[in-house]
């Protein structure tokens, strides 16, 4: 399932996948400036969801937070 939306000048596209361990649908999203093919950001979080529909909804919400600057990037202090 691919559900793309345009939001505040960006195209947000869920790229969720079914994984085995832990079992569930991933939280992954691709964000591209509207009308462009460059400048793609791929963002993900460790969350998993029981079905694809819930994962897609969460991906879209996650993408909106990223575009709005409300999602904070976690940095691994060991790197």
Protein backbone atom coordinates (compact mmCIF):
# COMPACT_ATOMS: atom_id res chain seq x y z
CA UNK A 1 0.00 0.00 0.00
CA UNK A 2 1.33 3.41 -0.92
CA UNK A 3 -0.41 6.47 0.45
CA UNK A 4 1.36 9.68 -0.45
CA UNK A 5 0.29 13.08 0.81
CA UNK A 6 1.48 16.59 0.14
CA UNK A 7 2.05 18.59 3.31
CA UNK A 8 3.54 22.09 3.71
CA UNK A 9 5.50 21.89 0.46
CA UNK A 10 6.68 18.28 0.88
CA UNK A 11 5.51 14.91 -0.36
CA UNK A 12 5.36 12.37 2.48
CA UNK A 13 5.36 8.72 1.40
CA UNK A 14 5.18 5.81 3.84
CA UNK A 15 7.67 3.04 2.98
CA UNK A 16 6.64 0.62 5.73
CA UNK A 17 7.70 -3.04 5.44
CA UNK A 18 6.67 -6.22 7.20
CA UNK A 19 9.56 -7.57 9.26
CA UNK A 20 10.03 -10.80 11.20
CA UNK A 21 12.00 -9.80 14.29
CA UNK A 22 10.32 -8.12 16.03
CA UNK A 23 7.26 -9.08 14.01
CA UNK A 24 5.28 -6.12 12.72
CA UNK A 25 5.15 -3.29 10.22
CA UNK A 26 7.98 -0.75 10.39
CA UNK A 27 7.83 3.03 10.76
CA UNK A 28 9.64 4.34 7.67
CA UNK A 29 8.88 7.37 5.54
CA UNK A 30 10.37 9.19 2.55
CA UNK A 31 10.06 13.00 2.47
CA UNK A 32 10.70 14.93 -0.75
CA UNK A 33 10.25 18.62 -1.52
CA UNK A 34 7.09 18.88 -3.68
CA UNK A 35 7.82 19.06 -7.39
CA UNK A 36 11.41 17.83 -7.03
CA UNK A 37 13.10 14.47 -7.31
CA UNK A 38 16.19 15.48 -5.33
CA UNK A 39 16.48 16.29 -1.66
CA UNK A 40 14.85 13.05 -0.53
CA UNK A 41 15.05 12.32 3.20
CA UNK A 42 14.47 8.78 4.44
CA UNK A 43 13.45 8.65 8.07
CA UNK A 44 12.64 5.74 10.32
CA UNK A 45 12.02 4.87 13.93
CA UNK A 46 12.26 1.53 15.77
CA UNK A 47 8.48 1.31 16.29
CA UNK A 48 6.51 -1.59 14.81
CA UNK A 49 2.75 -1.94 14.34
CA UNK A 50 0.41 -4.96 14.10
CA UNK A 51 -0.94 -4.14 10.64
CA UNK A 52 -0.08 -2.10 7.58
CA UNK A 53 -2.98 0.34 7.91
CA UNK A 54 -1.88 1.47 11.38
CA UNK A 55 1.75 1.67 10.25
CA UNK A 56 0.84 3.88 7.27
CA UNK A 57 -1.18 6.23 9.49
CA UNK A 58 1.73 6.48 11.95
CA UNK A 59 4.21 7.05 9.08
CA UNK A 60 2.15 9.98 7.81
CA UNK A 61 1.92 11.49 11.30
CA UNK A 62 5.68 10.96 11.78
CA UNK A 63 6.38 12.65 8.43
CA UNK A 64 4.24 15.64 9.36
CA UNK A 65 6.14 16.04 12.64
CA UNK A 66 9.46 15.93 10.75
CA UNK A 67 8.31 18.58 8.26
CA UNK A 68 7.06 20.75 11.13
CA UNK A 69 10.42 20.38 12.93
CA UNK A 70 8.79 18.68 15.92
CA UNK A 71 10.47 15.26 15.63
CA UNK A 72 13.82 15.18 17.35
CA UNK A 73 16.65 13.17 15.90
CA UNK A 74 18.29 10.82 18.36
CA UNK A 75 22.05 10.66 18.10
CA UNK A 76 24.03 7.64 19.25
CA UNK A 77 26.55 9.04 21.79
CA UNK A 78 29.02 6.20 21.00
CA UNK A 79 29.51 7.40 17.43
